[in-house]
Amino acid sequence: MLTIRLKRVGRKNDPSYRVVLIESKRGPQSGKITEYLGSYDARKKRVEIKRDRVEYWLSKGVKTSDTVRNLLRKSPK
């Protein structure tokens, strides 16, 4: 089953994340992502998400993590 979730990138004490589509059984650090869907900079509170691709995958029945679901609700349309 596919899941949309965050993958941490960046340096120590400088968190930034990628919003990725990944097989739910794989760990987030495995590097085997299916599709890159956006980014989230935790320090600057900046969210960039490809809304059309996220909506496409959600229509196919893909689940989201709790954090990504909250980001989708808060990000501008």
N, C-alpha and C. Protein backbone atom coordinates (compact mmCIF):
# COMPACT_ATOMS: atom_id res chain seq x y z
N MET A 1 0.84 -1.18 0.00
CA MET A 1 0.00 0.00 0.00
C MET A 1 0.88 1.25 0.00
N LEU A 2 0.49 2.23 -0.77
CA LEU A 2 1.24 3.48 -0.86
C LEU A 2 0.79 4.47 0.21
N THR A 3 1.72 5.31 0.65
CA THR A 3 1.45 6.31 1.67
C THR A 3 2.14 7.61 1.30
N ILE A 4 1.46 8.72 1.57
CA ILE A 4 2.08 10.04 1.41
C ILE A 4 2.55 10.47 2.79
N ARG A 5 3.86 10.69 2.93
CA ARG A 5 4.42 11.07 4.21
C ARG A 5 5.66 11.92 4.04
N LEU A 6 6.24 12.34 5.16
CA LEU A 6 7.41 13.19 5.14
C LEU A 6 8.69 12.37 5.19
N LYS A 7 9.71 12.86 4.50
CA LYS A 7 11.05 12.28 4.56
C LYS A 7 11.99 13.41 4.95
N ARG A 8 12.71 13.23 6.03
CA ARG A 8 13.59 14.29 6.52
C ARG A 8 14.85 14.40 5.67
N VAL A 9 15.18 15.63 5.33
CA VAL A 9 16.43 15.93 4.62
C VAL A 9 17.05 17.13 5.32
N GLY A 10 18.28 17.45 5.00
CA GLY A 10 18.93 18.62 5.59
C GLY A 10 19.96 18.23 6.63
N ARG A 11 20.47 19.25 7.28
CA ARG A 11 21.54 19.07 8.25
C ARG A 11 20.99 18.85 9.66
N LYS A 12 21.88 18.53 10.56
CA LYS A 12 21.52 18.40 11.96
C LYS A 12 21.06 19.76 12.48
N ASN A 13 20.01 19.77 13.25
CA ASN A 13 19.42 20.98 13.83
C ASN A 13 18.87 21.95 12.79
N ASP A 14 18.67 21.51 11.57
CA ASP A 14 18.08 22.35 10.51
C ASP A 14 17.08 21.49 9.73
N PRO A 15 15.94 21.18 10.35
CA PRO A 15 15.02 20.24 9.73
C PRO A 15 14.28 20.82 8.52
N SER A 16 14.28 20.08 7.46
CA SER A 16 13.40 20.33 6.33
C SER A 16 13.00 18.95 5.81
N TYR A 17 11.86 18.90 5.18
CA TYR A 17 11.27 17.62 4.82
C TYR A 17 10.81 17.63 3.37
N ARG A 18 10.76 16.45 2.78
CA ARG A 18 10.16 16.26 1.47
C ARG A 18 8.86 15.51 1.67
N VAL A 19 7.84 15.90 0.94
CA VAL A 19 6.59 15.16 0.94
C VAL A 19 6.71 14.14 -0.19
N VAL A 20 6.66 12.86 0.16
CA VAL A 20 6.92 11.81 -0.81
C VAL A 20 5.81 10.77 -0.80
N LEU A 21 5.70 10.09 -1.93
CA LEU A 21 4.83 8.93 -2.06
C LEU A 21 5.73 7.71 -1.98
N ILE A 22 5.47 6.83 -1.01
CA ILE A 22 6.37 5.71 -0.75
C ILE A 22 5.55 4.49 -0.33
N GLU A 23 6.08 3.33 -0.57
CA GLU A 23 5.46 2.09 -0.10
C GLU A 23 5.43 2.12 1.42
N SER A 24 4.28 1.81 2.02
CA SER A 24 4.13 1.96 3.47
C SER A 24 4.99 0.99 4.27
N LYS A 25 5.42 -0.10 3.69
CA LYS A 25 6.24 -1.07 4.42
C LYS A 25 7.70 -0.64 4.50
N ARG A 26 8.14 0.26 3.64
CA ARG A 26 9.52 0.72 3.65
C ARG A 26 9.71 1.81 4.68
N GLY A 27 10.90 1.92 5.21
CA GLY A 27 11.22 2.99 6.14
C GLY A 27 11.37 4.31 5.40
N PRO A 28 11.15 5.42 6.06
CA PRO A 28 11.24 6.72 5.38
C PRO A 28 12.64 7.05 4.90
N GLN A 29 13.66 6.41 5.43
CA GLN A 29 15.03 6.68 5.02
C GLN A 29 15.53 5.72 3.94
N SER A 30 14.65 4.85 3.43
CA SER A 30 15.10 3.82 2.49
C SER A 30 15.54 4.40 1.15
N GLY A 31 15.01 5.56 0.76
CA GLY A 31 15.41 6.17 -0.50
C GLY A 31 14.63 5.67 -1.70
N LYS A 32 13.73 4.72 -1.51
CA LYS A 32 12.97 4.14 -2.61
C LYS A 32 11.60 4.82 -2.73
N ILE A 33 11.61 6.09 -3.08
CA ILE A 33 10.34 6.81 -3.20
C ILE A 33 9.74 6.59 -4.58
N THR A 34 8.42 6.65 -4.65
CA THR A 34 7.71 6.51 -5.92
C THR A 34 7.60 7.85 -6.61
N GLU A 35 7.25 8.89 -5.84
CA GLU A 35 7.11 10.23 -6.44
C GLU A 35 7.35 11.30 -5.38
N TYR A 36 8.01 12.37 -5.80
CA TYR A 36 8.26 13.53 -4.97
C TYR A 36 7.08 14.48 -5.15
N LEU A 37 6.40 14.86 -4.05
CA LEU A 37 5.17 15.64 -4.13
C LEU A 37 5.28 17.05 -3.54
N GLY A 38 6.41 17.40 -2.95
CA GLY A 38 6.54 18.74 -2.40
C GLY A 38 7.58 18.80 -1.31
N SER A 39 7.57 19.93 -0.58
CA SER A 39 8.54 20.11 0.50
C SER A 39 7.91 20.91 1.63
N TYR A 40 8.54 20.79 2.80
CA TYR A 40 8.10 21.51 3.99
C TYR A 40 9.34 21.92 4.77
N ASP A 41 9.49 23.24 4.97
CA ASP A 41 10.61 23.77 5.75
C ASP A 41 10.08 24.09 7.14
N ALA A 42 10.47 23.31 8.12
CA ALA A 42 9.92 23.43 9.47
C ALA A 42 10.34 24.72 10.16
N ARG A 43 11.53 25.21 9.87
CA ARG A 43 12.00 26.41 10.56
C ARG A 43 11.36 27.68 10.02
N LYS A 44 11.11 27.72 8.73
CA LYS A 44 10.49 28.91 8.12
C LYS A 44 8.99 28.75 7.92
N LYS A 45 8.45 27.58 8.28
CA LYS A 45 7.02 27.28 8.14
C LYS A 45 6.56 27.46 6.69
N ARG A 46 7.41 27.04 5.74
CA ARG A 46 7.07 27.17 4.32
C ARG A 46 6.67 25.79 3.78
N VAL A 47 5.50 25.75 3.13
CA VAL A 47 4.98 24.51 2.56
C VAL A 47 4.80 24.69 1.06
N GLU A 48 5.36 23.79 0.29
CA GLU A 48 5.17 23.78 -1.17
C GLU A 48 4.74 22.38 -1.55
N ILE A 49 3.50 22.24 -2.01
CA ILE A 49 2.96 20.93 -2.34
C ILE A 49 2.33 20.97 -3.73
N LYS A 50 2.55 19.93 -4.51
CA LYS A 50 1.91 19.79 -5.82
C LYS A 50 0.50 19.27 -5.58
N ARG A 51 -0.46 20.20 -5.44
CA ARG A 51 -1.82 19.84 -5.06
C ARG A 51 -2.49 18.91 -6.07
N ASP A 52 -2.25 19.13 -7.36
CA ASP A 52 -2.91 18.30 -8.37
C ASP A 52 -2.45 16.85 -8.26
N ARG A 53 -1.17 16.63 -8.02
CA ARG A 53 -0.66 15.25 -7.89
C ARG A 53 -1.14 14.60 -6.60
N VAL A 54 -1.19 15.37 -5.51
CA VAL A 54 -1.69 14.83 -4.25
C VAL A 54 -3.15 14.44 -4.39
N GLU A 55 -3.96 15.29 -5.02
CA GLU A 55 -5.37 14.97 -5.22
C GLU A 55 -5.54 13.74 -6.12
N TYR A 56 -4.68 13.60 -7.12
CA TYR A 56 -4.72 12.43 -7.99
C TYR A 56 -4.49 11.16 -7.18
N TRP A 57 -3.45 11.16 -6.36
CA TRP A 57 -3.13 9.97 -5.58
C TRP A 57 -4.18 9.69 -4.51
N LEU A 58 -4.74 10.73 -3.91
CA LEU A 58 -5.80 10.52 -2.93
C LEU A 58 -7.03 9.91 -3.58
N SER A 59 -7.30 10.28 -4.83
CA SER A 59 -8.44 9.68 -5.55
C SER A 59 -8.21 8.21 -5.86
N LYS A 60 -6.95 7.79 -5.89
CA LYS A 60 -6.59 6.38 -6.12
C LYS A 60 -6.62 5.56 -4.83
N GLY A 61 -6.88 6.21 -3.69
CA GLY A 61 -7.00 5.49 -2.42
C GLY A 61 -5.75 5.47 -1.57
N VAL A 62 -4.79 6.33 -1.87
CA VAL A 62 -3.55 6.39 -1.09
C VAL A 62 -3.84 7.06 0.25
N LYS A 63 -3.25 6.53 1.32
CA LYS A 63 -3.40 7.10 2.66
C LYS A 63 -2.33 8.16 2.89
N THR A 64 -2.59 9.06 3.85
CA THR A 64 -1.60 10.07 4.23
C THR A 64 -1.24 9.88 5.70
N SER A 65 -0.05 10.33 6.06
CA SER A 65 0.31 10.34 7.48
C SER A 65 -0.44 11.48 8.15
N ASP A 66 -0.51 11.44 9.46
CA ASP A 66 -1.23 12.48 10.20
C ASP A 66 -0.64 13.86 9.96
N THR A 67 0.68 13.96 9.93
CA THR A 67 1.34 15.24 9.74
C THR A 67 1.07 15.80 8.35
N VAL A 68 1.13 14.97 7.34
CA VAL A 68 0.86 15.43 5.97
C VAL A 68 -0.60 15.85 5.84
N ARG A 69 -1.50 15.14 6.47
CA ARG A 69 -2.91 15.51 6.43
C ARG A 69 -3.10 16.91 7.02
N ASN A 70 -2.42 17.20 8.14
CA ASN A 70 -2.52 18.53 8.75
C ASN A 70 -1.91 19.60 7.85
N LEU A 71 -0.78 19.30 7.18
CA LEU A 71 -0.17 20.26 6.27
C LEU A 71 -1.09 20.56 5.10
N LEU A 72 -1.78 19.55 4.59
CA LEU A 72 -2.70 19.76 3.46
C LEU A 72 -3.87 20.65 3.87
N ARG A 73 -4.34 20.48 5.09
CA ARG A 73 -5.45 21.30 5.57
C ARG A 73 -5.04 22.76 5.75
N LYS A 74 -3.82 22.98 6.23
CA LYS A 74 -3.36 24.34 6.54
C LYS A 74 -2.79 25.08 5.34
N SER A 75 -2.31 24.35 4.33
CA SER A 75 -1.67 25.02 3.19
C SER A 75 -2.74 25.67 2.31
N PRO A 76 -2.38 26.82 1.70
CA PRO A 76 -3.36 27.49 0.82
C PRO A 76 -3.62 26.65 -0.42
N LYS A 77 -4.80 26.77 -0.93
CA LYS A 77 -5.22 25.98 -2.09
C LYS A 77 -4.67 26.55 -3.36
